[in-house]
C-alpha atoms as a PDB file:
ATOM      1  CA  MET A   1      -3.595 -22.833 -12.864  1.00  0.00           C
ATOM      2  CA  GLN A   2      -7.110 -24.263 -13.085  1.00  0.00           C
ATOM      3  CA  THR A   3      -9.971 -21.758 -13.416  1.00  0.00           C
ATOM      4  CA  VAL A   4     -13.743 -21.954 -13.155  1.00  0.00           C
ATOM      5  CA  ASN A   5     -16.611 -19.787 -14.368  1.00  0.00           C
ATOM      6  CA  ILE A   6     -18.700 -18.164 -11.629  1.00  0.00           C
ATOM      7  CA  ARG A   7     -21.517 -15.627 -11.571  1.00  0.00           C
ATOM      8  CA  GLU A   8     -20.730 -12.514  -9.612  1.00  0.00           C
ATOM      9  CA  THR A   9     -23.520 -10.794  -7.724  1.00  0.00           C
ATOM     10  CA  SER A  10     -22.375  -7.484  -9.190  1.00  0.00           C
ATOM     11  CA  ARG A  11     -23.934  -8.358 -12.583  1.00  0.00           C
ATOM     12  CA  GLN A  12     -20.675  -9.538 -14.091  1.00  0.00           C
ATOM     13  CA  GLU A  13     -21.079 -12.868 -15.811  1.00  0.00           C
ATOM     14  CA  GLY A  14     -18.489 -15.387 -16.835  1.00  0.00           C
ATOM     15  CA  VAL A  15     -15.566 -13.992 -14.823  1.00  0.00           C
ATOM     16  CA  ASN A  16     -12.682 -16.495 -14.782  1.00  0.00           C
ATOM     17  CA  LEU A  17     -11.042 -16.853 -11.381  1.00  0.00           C
ATOM     18  CA  PRO A  18      -8.531 -19.410 -10.097  1.00  0.00           C
ATOM     19  CA  VAL A  19     -10.169 -22.275  -8.189  1.00  0.00           C
ATOM     20  CA  GLU A  20      -8.625 -21.197  -4.872  1.00  0.00           C
ATOM     21  CA  TYR A  21     -10.478 -17.867  -5.138  1.00  0.00           C
ATOM     22  CA  VAL A  22     -13.795 -19.709  -5.247  1.00  0.00           C
ATOM     23  CA  ASP A  23     -13.308 -22.957  -3.296  1.00  0.00           C
ATOM     24  CA  PRO A  24     -12.630 -22.696   0.446  1.00  0.00           C
ATOM     25  CA  ARG A  25      -9.266 -24.065   1.589  1.00  0.00           C
ATOM     26  CA  TRP A  26      -7.325 -24.042   4.837  1.00  0.00           C
ATOM     27  CA  TYR A  27      -4.843 -21.209   5.349  1.00  0.00           C
ATOM     28  CA  ALA A  28      -2.606 -20.239   8.259  1.00  0.00           C
ATOM     29  CA  ALA A  29      -3.327 -16.750   9.556  1.00  0.00           C
ATOM     30  CA  TYR A  30      -0.348 -15.217  11.323  1.00  0.00           C
ATOM     31  CA  THR A  31      -1.458 -13.299  14.418  1.00  0.00           C
ATOM     32  CA  SER A  32       0.017 -10.724  16.750  1.00  0.00           C
ATOM     33  CA  ALA A  33       1.862 -12.241  19.712  1.00  0.00           C
ATOM     34  CA  ASN A  34      -0.482 -13.887  22.226  1.00  0.00           C
ATOM     35  CA  HIS A  35      -3.620 -12.849  20.298  1.00  0.00           C
ATOM     36  CA  GLU A  36      -4.637 -16.287  18.988  1.00  0.00           C
ATOM     37  CA  LYS A  37      -7.645 -16.703  21.303  1.00  0.00           C
ATOM     38  CA  ARG A  38      -8.861 -13.138  20.711  1.00  0.00           C
ATOM     39  CA  VAL A  39      -8.618 -13.670  16.965  1.00  0.00           C
ATOM     40  CA  ALA A  40     -10.570 -16.953  17.279  1.00  0.00           C
ATOM     41  CA  ILE A  41     -13.352 -15.152  19.172  1.00  0.00           C
ATOM     42  CA  GLN A  42     -13.515 -12.472  16.457  1.00  0.00           C
ATOM     43  CA  LEU A  43     -13.617 -15.141  13.729  1.00  0.00           C
ATOM     44  CA  THR A  44     -16.530 -16.858  15.491  1.00  0.00           C
ATOM     45  CA  GLN A  45     -18.401 -13.558  15.725  1.00  0.00           C
ATOM     46  CA  ARG A  46     -17.839 -12.960  11.995  1.00  0.00           C
ATOM     47  CA  SER A  47     -18.883 -16.534  11.065  1.00  0.00           C
ATOM     48  CA  ILE A  48     -15.492 -17.374   9.542  1.00  0.00           C
ATOM     49  CA  GLU A  49     -14.650 -21.072   9.804  1.00  0.00           C
ATOM     50  CA  HIS A  50     -11.480 -21.486  11.848  1.00  0.00           C
ATOM     51  CA  PHE A  51      -9.485 -23.931  13.932  1.00  0.00           C
ATOM     52  CA  LEU A  52      -7.363 -22.999  16.940  1.00  0.00           C
ATOM     53  CA  PRO A  53      -5.794 -26.178  18.352  1.00  0.00           C
ATOM     54  CA  LEU A  54      -5.049 -25.886  22.067  1.00  0.00           C
ATOM     55  CA  TYR A  55      -3.191 -28.033  24.567  1.00  0.00           C
ATOM     56  CA  GLU A  56      -3.231 -28.041  28.342  1.00  0.00           C
ATOM     57  CA  SER A  57      -0.135 -27.011  30.252  1.00  0.00           C
ATOM     58  CA  VAL A  58       0.435 -26.716  34.001  1.00  0.00           C
ATOM     59  CA  ARG A  59       2.357 -23.574  34.939  1.00  0.00           C
ATOM     60  CA  ARG A  60       3.847 -23.019  38.366  1.00  0.00           C
ATOM     61  CA  TRP A  61       4.314 -19.751  40.133  1.00  0.00           C
ATOM     62  CA  LYS A  62       5.708 -19.216  43.623  1.00  0.00           C
ATOM     63  CA  ASP A  63       2.323 -19.385  45.298  1.00  0.00           C
ATOM     64  CA  ARG A  64       0.186 -21.554  42.975  1.00  0.00           C
ATOM     65  CA  ARG A  65      -0.143 -23.928  40.056  1.00  0.00           C
ATOM     66  CA  MET A  66      -2.516 -23.299  37.208  1.00  0.00           C
ATOM     67  CA  LYS A  67      -3.740 -25.255  34.197  1.00  0.00           C
ATOM     68  CA  LEU A  68      -3.669 -23.164  31.047  1.00  0.00           C
ATOM     69  CA  GLN A  69      -5.061 -23.742  27.558  1.00  0.00           C
ATOM     70  CA  LEU A  70      -2.277 -22.659  25.202  1.00  0.00           C
ATOM     71  CA  PRO A  71      -2.147 -22.595  21.393  1.00  0.00           C
ATOM     72  CA  LEU A  72      -0.506 -25.666  19.881  1.00  0.00           C
ATOM     73  CA  PHE A  73       0.904 -23.411  17.149  1.00  0.00           C
ATOM     74  CA  PRO A  74       1.768 -20.091  18.824  1.00  0.00           C
ATOM     75  CA  GLY A  75       1.152 -17.165  16.507  1.00  0.00           C
ATOM     76  CA  TYR A  76      -1.219 -18.992  14.142  1.00  0.00           C
ATOM     77  CA  VAL A  77      -4.940 -19.596  13.695  1.00  0.00           C
ATOM     78  CA  PHE A  78      -6.113 -21.800  10.828  1.00  0.00           C
ATOM     79  CA  VAL A  79      -8.964 -20.493   8.692  1.00  0.00           C
ATOM     80  CA  ARG A  80     -10.987 -22.116   5.945  1.00  0.00           C
ATOM     81  CA  LEU A  81     -12.066 -19.651   3.302  1.00  0.00           C
ATOM     82  CA  ALA A  82     -12.069 -18.850  -0.384  1.00  0.00           C
ATOM     83  CA  LEU A  83      -9.393 -16.293  -1.242  1.00  0.00           C
ATOM     84  CA  ARG A  84     -11.999 -13.900  -2.611  1.00  0.00           C
ATOM     85  CA  ASP A  85     -13.152 -13.525   1.043  1.00  0.00           C
ATOM     86  CA  ARG A  86      -9.671 -12.916   2.499  1.00  0.00           C
ATOM     87  CA  LEU A  87     -10.383  -9.236   3.228  1.00  0.00           C
ATOM     88  CA  GLN A  88     -12.876 -10.322   5.923  1.00  0.00           C
ATOM     89  CA  LEU A  89     -10.022 -12.173   7.615  1.00  0.00           C
ATOM     90  CA  LEU A  90      -7.428  -9.442   7.222  1.00  0.00           C
ATOM     91  CA  GLN A  91      -9.783  -6.902   8.843  1.00  0.00           C
ATOM     92  CA  VAL A  92      -9.907  -8.919  12.075  1.00  0.00           C
ATOM     93  CA  PRO A  93      -7.911  -7.145  14.819  1.00  0.00           C
ATOM     94  CA  GLY A  94      -4.805  -9.180  15.617  1.00  0.00           C
ATOM     95  CA  VAL A  95      -4.466 -10.852  12.202  1.00  0.00           C
ATOM     96  CA  ALA A  96      -1.210  -9.767  10.587  1.00  0.00           C
ATOM     97  CA  ARG A  97      -1.315 -11.713   7.315  1.00  0.00           C
ATOM     98  CA  ILE A  98      -2.068 -14.988   5.600  1.00  0.00           C
ATOM     99  CA  VAL A  99       1.025 -17.168   5.332  1.00  0.00           C
ATOM    100  CA  GLY A 100       2.261 -17.584   1.788  1.00  0.00           C
ATOM    101  CA  PHE A 101       5.104 -17.153  -0.663  1.00  0.00           C
ATOM    102  CA  ASN A 102       5.935 -14.325  -3.069  1.00  0.00           C
ATOM    103  CA  GLY A 103       2.996 -12.290  -1.774  1.00  0.00           C
ATOM    104  CA  LEU A 104       0.451 -15.041  -2.530  1.00  0.00           C
ATOM    105  CA  PRO A 105      -1.362 -16.981   0.230  1.00  0.00           C
ATOM    106  CA  SER A 106      -0.531 -20.694   0.268  1.00  0.00           C
ATOM    107  CA  ALA A 107      -3.126 -23.282   1.235  1.00  0.00           C
ATOM    108  CA  LEU A 108      -2.369 -25.947   3.821  1.00  0.00           C
ATOM    109  CA  ARG A 109      -2.866 -29.588   2.949  1.00  0.00           C
ATOM    110  CA  GLU A 110      -6.320 -30.768   4.032  1.00  0.00           C
ATOM    111  CA  ASP A 111      -4.945 -34.030   5.485  1.00  0.00           C
ATOM    112  CA  GLU A 112      -2.527 -32.175   7.793  1.00  0.00           C
ATOM    113  CA  ILE A 113      -5.320 -30.135   9.385  1.00  0.00           C
ATOM    114  CA  GLU A 114      -7.597 -33.187   9.556  1.00  0.00           C
ATOM    115  CA  ALA A 115      -4.884 -35.242  11.312  1.00  0.00           C
ATOM    116  CA  ILE A 116      -4.521 -32.614  14.029  1.00  0.00           C
ATOM    117  CA  ARG A 117      -8.298 -32.284  14.423  1.00  0.00           C
ATOM    118  CA  LYS A 118      -8.772 -36.061  14.674  1.00  0.00           C
ATOM    119  CA  SER A 119      -6.017 -36.554  17.210  1.00  0.00           C
ATOM    120  CA  LEU A 120      -7.239 -33.734  19.465  1.00  0.00           C
ATOM    121  CA  SER A 121     -10.903 -34.800  19.244  1.00  0.00           C
ATOM    122  CA  CYS A 122      -9.933 -38.331  20.321  1.00  0.00           C
ATOM    123  CA  GLY A 123      -8.216 -37.010  23.435  1.00  0.00           C
ATOM    124  CA  VAL A 124      -4.643 -37.630  22.293  1.00  0.00           C
ATOM    125  CA  ARG A 125      -2.153 -35.615  24.353  1.00  0.00           C
ATOM    126  CA  ALA A 126      -0.346 -33.166  22.140  1.00  0.00           C
ATOM    127  CA  GLU A 127       2.217 -30.451  22.695  1.00  0.00           C
ATOM    128  CA  PRO A 128       4.319 -28.168  20.498  1.00  0.00           C
ATOM    129  CA  HIS A 129       7.432 -29.779  19.087  1.00  0.00           C
ATOM    130  CA  PRO A 130      10.378 -28.386  17.144  1.00  0.00           C
ATOM    131  CA  TYR A 131       9.868 -28.723  13.393  1.00  0.00           C
ATOM    132  CA  LEU A 132      11.630 -31.839  12.077  1.00  0.00           C
ATOM    133  CA  THR A 133      12.762 -32.563   8.564  1.00  0.00           C
ATOM    134  CA  VAL A 134      14.599 -35.803   9.254  1.00  0.00           C
ATOM    135  CA  GLY A 135      13.905 -38.808  11.463  1.00  0.00           C
ATOM    136  CA  ARG A 136      12.715 -42.378  11.321  1.00  0.00           C
ATOM    137  CA  ARG A 137       9.596 -42.528   9.198  1.00  0.00           C
ATOM    138  CA  VAL A 138       6.704 -44.739  10.229  1.00  0.00           C
ATOM    139  CA  ARG A 139       3.112 -45.354   9.153  1.00  0.00           C
ATOM    140  CA  ILE A 140       0.277 -45.510  11.659  1.00  0.00           C
ATOM    141  CA  VAL A 141      -1.737 -48.699  11.110  1.00  0.00           C
ATOM    142  CA  ARG A 142      -4.491 -48.295  13.758  1.00  0.00           C
ATOM    143  CA  GLY A 143      -6.352 -45.515  15.502  1.00  0.00           C
ATOM    144  CA  PRO A 144      -7.616 -42.063  14.512  1.00  0.00           C
ATOM    145  CA  LEU A 145      -4.411 -41.228  12.608  1.00  0.00           C
ATOM    146  CA  MET A 146      -4.379 -44.455  10.579  1.00  0.00           C
ATOM    147  CA  GLY A 147      -2.570 -44.010   7.268  1.00  0.00           C
ATOM    148  CA  MET A 148      -0.504 -40.995   8.343  1.00  0.00           C
ATOM    149  CA  GLU A 149       3.226 -41.211   7.744  1.00  0.00           C
ATOM    150  CA  GLY A 150       5.916 -39.264   9.526  1.00  0.00           C
ATOM    151  CA  PRO A 151       8.812 -39.356  11.971  1.00  0.00           C
ATOM    152  CA  ILE A 152       8.761 -40.568  15.564  1.00  0.00           C
ATOM    153  CA  VAL A 153      10.743 -39.517  18.603  1.00  0.00           C
ATOM    154  CA  ARG A 154      11.031 -40.782  22.157  1.00  0.00           C
ATOM    155  CA  ARG A 155      10.458 -38.595  25.173  1.00  0.00           C
ATOM    156  CA  MET A 156      10.377 -39.852  28.743  1.00  0.00           C
ATOM    157  CA  LYS A 157       9.978 -43.488  27.624  1.00  0.00           C
ATOM    158  CA  ARG A 158       6.968 -42.623  25.450  1.00  0.00           C
ATOM    159  CA  ILE A 159       6.776 -42.736  21.677  1.00  0.00           C
ATOM    160  CA  ARG A 160       5.539 -39.609  19.964  1.00  0.00           C
ATOM    161  CA  PHE A 161       4.471 -39.229  16.366  1.00  0.00           C
ATOM    162  CA  ILE A 162       5.335 -35.905  14.776  1.00  0.00           C
ATOM    163  CA  ILE A 163       2.725 -34.160  12.613  1.00  0.00           C
ATOM    164  CA  SER A 164       4.426 -31.383  10.665  1.00  0.00           C
ATOM    165  CA  LEU A 165       2.773 -28.503   8.851  1.00  0.00           C
ATOM    166  CA  GLU A 166       5.294 -27.804   6.108  1.00  0.00           C
ATOM    167  CA  LEU A 167       3.921 -24.397   5.140  1.00  0.00           C
ATOM    168  CA  ILE A 168       4.452 -22.757   8.529  1.00  0.00           C
ATOM    169  CA  GLN A 169       7.312 -25.055   9.564  1.00  0.00           C
ATOM    170  CA  ARG A 170       5.749 -26.038  12.862  1.00  0.00           C
ATOM    171  CA  SER A 171       5.213 -29.502  14.327  1.00  0.00           C
ATOM    172  CA  VAL A 172       3.083 -31.216  16.950  1.00  0.00           C
ATOM    173  CA  ALA A 173       4.066 -34.334  18.888  1.00  0.00           C
ATOM    174  CA  VAL A 174       1.234 -36.748  19.746  1.00  0.00           C
ATOM    175  CA  GLU A 175       1.643 -39.792  21.988  1.00  0.00           C
ATOM    176  CA  ILE A 176       1.115 -43.102  20.243  1.00  0.00           C
ATOM    177  CA  GLU A 177       1.507 -46.802  21.023  1.00  0.00           C
ATOM    178  CA  ALA A 178       4.385 -48.652  19.369  1.00  0.00           C
ATOM    179  CA  ALA A 179       2.012 -51.451  18.347  1.00  0.00           C
ATOM    180  CA  ASP A 180       0.133 -48.986  16.121  1.00  0.00           C
ATOM    181  CA  LEU A 181       3.212 -48.244  13.999  1.00  0.00           C
ATOM    182  CA  GLU A 182       5.024 -49.903  11.117  1.00  0.00           C
ATOM    183  CA  HIS A 183       8.245 -48.893   9.360  1.00  0.00           C
ATOM    184  CA  VAL A 184       7.887 -47.255   5.970  1.00  0.00           C
END
């Protein structure tokens, strides 16, 4: 594990800490059921960098139809922080824990978060998708997701590229043109 020397404000000098305790990285914060938006509001108020990807869904009831903004990854909000600041996150009402293994938080890959951010900011339609571990792998050769590799699926005559976050075993399907793909 790589370590760096930092100066603590509490007069301790030369304390060796792992890099992830000092450098901010993306983590998945597991939230209470249906509390993702409330947690995001609290994170904004506490100036904690976060990302809550949403998608639009039309829900029908007997007497009306309504457009709702729903979390793309139900139960999760993504936060960018150094692990030494994790207590600030864990004190937010609705945050259950930081996703990890063997009691240690695990960072998400930067390119996975960036791919989701890019696709949503460019207006790509996205929706939750079952996590996939197998499928035809392709590489995107044009557009905001250029260079990404992953599986594709077809749904209602449209091609969808699957972006999978391995750590939390969740996936997102984004619509893409067949001309923008090549086999890997």
